[in-house]
């Protein structure tokens, strides 16, 4: 993975070696460069993951690069050969880590549940900062998510949240407000 980041950084900072708008075998060199670098950038930023449609796009870029590299001389050849290598190495890893449809569905469900928890905790807003600090309650949100996956008994959830807020944030919340929050949290379906 490090070699992909290194090669990406080198190509990113290297001057584009060809005339703008030039095409080789019907492939626009500026576009193939931008598309390949953009997809690899997404791969790096998503912690070595690309969606299936992005993998297919990168495969097309790689096929185009493979056909045009032999057409170049020296400087252009070196740049586009490196770009081809970058696409190939990225594809090798991305394909081996391709998520199954079940895993993708599971991740979408997780995001949906987490967003519901976040909205409910932001309503409770124990520190009074939910409208100013986007991720202030992330630790609490993850704690609640793990509680909801386990035992949803109101008294246990109440005790765990109250203790967490007191210990982690150093504040107390009104018991009535917390009970209303727990009712909302327990209404979240983990199957949606």
Protein backbone atom coordinates (compact mmCIF):
# COMPACT_ATOMS: atom_id res chain seq x y z
CA UNK A 1 0.00 0.00 0.00
CA UNK A 2 2.84 2.42 0.82
CA UNK A 3 4.25 2.07 -2.68
CA UNK A 4 0.88 3.18 -4.10
CA UNK A 5 0.88 6.31 -1.92
CA UNK A 6 4.50 7.03 -2.87
CA UNK A 7 3.88 6.62 -6.60
CA UNK A 8 0.66 8.64 -6.37
CA UNK A 9 2.47 11.51 -4.57
CA UNK A 10 5.30 11.49 -7.11
CA UNK A 11 2.94 11.64 -10.09
CA UNK A 12 0.77 14.24 -8.37
CA UNK A 13 3.73 16.58 -7.99
CA UNK A 14 5.32 15.81 -11.35
CA UNK A 15 4.56 18.24 -14.20
CA UNK A 16 2.18 16.87 -16.80
CA UNK A 17 4.47 15.66 -19.61
CA UNK A 18 2.27 16.19 -22.64
CA UNK A 19 0.52 18.92 -24.58
CA UNK A 20 -2.94 19.78 -23.26
CA UNK A 21 -5.74 18.28 -25.29
CA UNK A 22 -3.49 15.76 -27.00
CA UNK A 23 -5.05 12.41 -27.88
CA UNK A 24 -3.30 9.12 -28.54
CA UNK A 25 -5.27 6.29 -30.12
CA UNK A 26 -8.46 8.22 -29.28
CA UNK A 27 -7.52 8.53 -25.57
CA UNK A 28 -7.46 12.08 -24.19
CA UNK A 29 -4.26 12.24 -22.14
CA UNK A 30 -5.49 14.90 -19.71
CA UNK A 31 -8.68 12.95 -18.99
CA UNK A 32 -6.98 9.58 -18.55
CA UNK A 33 -4.53 11.20 -16.13
CA UNK A 34 -7.29 12.96 -14.17
CA UNK A 35 -9.56 9.90 -14.06
CA UNK A 36 -6.80 7.51 -12.95
CA UNK A 37 -5.41 9.86 -10.31
CA UNK A 38 -8.92 10.67 -9.05
CA UNK A 39 -9.84 7.01 -8.63
CA UNK A 40 -6.55 6.19 -6.89
CA UNK A 41 -7.05 9.18 -4.60
CA UNK A 42 -10.48 7.81 -3.63
CA UNK A 43 -8.93 4.39 -3.06
CA UNK A 44 -6.33 5.87 -0.70
CA UNK A 45 -8.80 8.08 1.15
CA UNK A 46 -11.28 5.21 1.62
CA UNK A 47 -8.62 3.11 3.30
CA UNK A 48 -7.95 0.77 0.39
CA UNK A 49 -11.49 0.28 -0.81
CA UNK A 50 -13.24 1.08 -4.08
CA UNK A 51 -16.85 0.39 -5.00
CA UNK A 52 -17.47 -2.08 -7.84
CA UNK A 53 -18.36 0.66 -10.37
CA UNK A 54 -15.15 2.57 -9.51
CA UNK A 55 -13.10 -0.63 -9.97
CA UNK A 56 -14.64 -1.02 -13.43
CA UNK A 57 -13.76 2.61 -14.27
CA UNK A 58 -10.17 2.06 -13.14
CA UNK A 59 -10.00 -1.13 -15.23
CA UNK A 60 -10.99 0.91 -18.30
CA UNK A 61 -8.32 3.49 -17.46
CA UNK A 62 -5.75 0.72 -17.11
CA UNK A 63 -6.75 -0.83 -20.45
CA UNK A 64 -6.41 2.57 -22.16
CA UNK A 65 -3.04 3.22 -20.53
CA UNK A 66 -1.82 -0.22 -21.54
CA UNK A 67 -2.65 0.52 -25.18
CA UNK A 68 -1.16 4.04 -25.31
CA UNK A 69 2.11 3.65 -23.33
CA UNK A 70 3.97 1.94 -26.24
CA UNK A 71 3.14 4.97 -28.44
CA UNK A 72 5.24 7.41 -26.38
CA UNK A 73 8.88 8.47 -26.34
CA UNK A 74 11.00 9.08 -23.22
CA UNK A 75 9.41 11.60 -20.82
CA UNK A 76 5.80 10.87 -21.77
CA UNK A 77 6.45 7.14 -21.77
CA UNK A 78 7.94 7.23 -18.28
CA UNK A 79 5.05 9.26 -16.86
CA UNK A 80 2.24 7.22 -18.42
CA UNK A 81 3.99 3.91 -17.69
CA UNK A 82 4.11 4.95 -14.03
CA UNK A 83 0.43 5.92 -14.21
CA UNK A 84 -0.35 2.50 -15.73
CA UNK A 85 1.62 0.80 -12.93
CA UNK A 86 -0.27 2.86 -10.33
CA UNK A 87 -3.62 1.79 -11.83
CA UNK A 88 -2.53 -1.85 -11.96
CA UNK A 89 -1.25 -1.97 -8.36
CA UNK A 90 -4.39 -0.23 -7.10
CA UNK A 91 -6.61 -2.68 -8.98
CA UNK A 92 -4.72 -5.66 -7.51
CA UNK A 93 -5.48 -4.52 -3.97
CA UNK A 94 -8.97 -3.15 -4.64
CA UNK A 95 -10.12 -6.38 -6.31
CA UNK A 96 -8.79 -8.52 -3.48
CA UNK A 97 -10.69 -6.39 -0.98
CA UNK A 98 -13.91 -6.09 -2.93
CA UNK A 99 -16.84 -6.09 -0.55
CA UNK A 100 -19.67 -8.54 -1.00
CA UNK A 101 -23.19 -7.24 -1.54
CA UNK A 102 -24.03 -8.43 1.98
CA UNK A 103 -21.14 -6.45 3.49
CA UNK A 104 -22.11 -3.32 1.55
CA UNK A 105 -25.71 -3.70 2.73
CA UNK A 106 -24.51 -4.19 6.31
CA UNK A 107 -22.42 -0.99 6.13
CA UNK A 108 -25.39 1.00 4.84
CA UNK A 109 -27.53 -0.32 7.70
CA UNK A 110 -24.83 0.56 10.21
CA UNK A 111 -24.61 4.14 8.90
CA UNK A 112 -28.39 4.51 9.08
CA UNK A 113 -28.54 3.27 12.70
CA UNK A 114 -25.58 5.43 13.71
CA UNK A 115 -27.20 8.54 12.18
CA UNK A 116 -30.39 7.89 14.15
CA UNK A 117 -28.38 7.53 17.37
CA UNK A 118 -26.46 10.71 16.60
CA UNK A 119 -29.65 12.69 16.00
CA UNK A 120 -31.18 11.48 19.28
CA UNK A 121 -28.01 12.20 21.30
CA UNK A 122 -27.75 15.65 19.71
CA UNK A 123 -31.30 16.33 20.95
CA UNK A 124 -30.23 15.37 24.49
CA UNK A 125 -27.05 17.46 24.04
CA UNK A 126 -25.55 17.02 27.54
CA UNK A 127 -22.86 19.67 26.93
CA UNK A 128 -25.02 22.09 24.98
CA UNK A 129 -22.67 22.10 21.97
CA UNK A 130 -24.40 19.86 19.39
CA UNK A 131 -25.09 22.78 17.06
CA UNK A 132 -21.43 23.93 17.19
CA UNK A 133 -19.30 20.76 17.33
CA UNK A 134 -20.13 18.11 14.71
CA UNK A 135 -18.44 15.10 16.34
CA UNK A 136 -18.51 15.99 20.05
CA UNK A 137 -20.60 12.95 21.02
CA UNK A 138 -19.05 10.32 18.75
CA UNK A 139 -17.67 8.33 21.69
CA UNK A 140 -21.09 8.32 23.35
CA UNK A 141 -22.78 7.41 20.07
CA UNK A 142 -20.52 4.35 19.62
CA UNK A 143 -21.11 3.34 23.25
CA UNK A 144 -24.88 3.53 22.71
CA UNK A 145 -24.63 1.56 19.47
CA UNK A 146 -22.83 -1.26 21.29
CA UNK A 147 -25.46 -1.14 24.05
CA UNK A 148 -28.27 -1.44 21.51
CA UNK A 149 -26.58 -4.45 19.94
CA UNK A 150 -26.51 -6.16 23.34
CA UNK A 151 -28.98 -5.92 26.18
CA UNK A 152 -31.64 -3.27 25.54
CA UNK A 153 -33.06 -3.42 29.06
CA UNK A 154 -33.97 0.18 29.95
CA UNK A 155 -32.35 0.19 33.39
CA UNK A 156 -29.03 -1.13 32.04
CA UNK A 157 -28.98 1.30 29.13
CA UNK A 158 -29.92 4.16 31.49
CA UNK A 159 -27.17 3.28 33.95
CA UNK A 160 -24.52 2.82 31.26
CA UNK A 161 -25.31 6.13 29.51
CA UNK A 162 -25.60 8.12 32.74
CA UNK A 163 -22.26 6.73 33.99
CA UNK A 164 -20.56 7.36 30.65
CA UNK A 165 -21.77 10.97 30.44
CA UNK A 166 -20.71 11.63 34.03
CA UNK A 167 -17.28 10.03 33.71
CA UNK A 168 -16.42 11.06 30.16
CA UNK A 169 -17.95 14.53 29.91
CA UNK A 170 -18.04 15.42 33.62
CA UNK A 171 -21.68 16.52 33.56
CA UNK A 172 -24.98 15.12 34.76
CA UNK A 173 -28.18 14.83 32.76
CA UNK A 174 -31.72 15.04 34.07
CA UNK A 175 -33.15 11.55 34.67
CA UNK A 176 -36.42 12.42 32.94
CA UNK A 177 -34.59 13.71 29.84
CA UNK A 178 -32.41 10.60 29.79
CA UNK A 179 -35.45 8.30 30.08
CA UNK A 180 -37.08 10.06 27.09
CA UNK A 181 -33.83 9.62 25.17
CA UNK A 182 -33.71 5.90 26.00
CA UNK A 183 -37.28 5.41 24.77
CA UNK A 184 -36.26 7.01 21.46
CA UNK A 185 -33.06 4.93 21.27
CA UNK A 186 -34.91 1.69 21.95
CA UNK A 187 -37.32 2.48 19.13
CA UNK A 188 -34.43 2.23 16.63
CA UNK A 189 -34.62 -0.97 14.64
CA UNK A 190 -31.27 -2.59 13.94
CA UNK A 191 -32.83 -4.45 11.01
CA UNK A 192 -33.51 -1.36 8.87
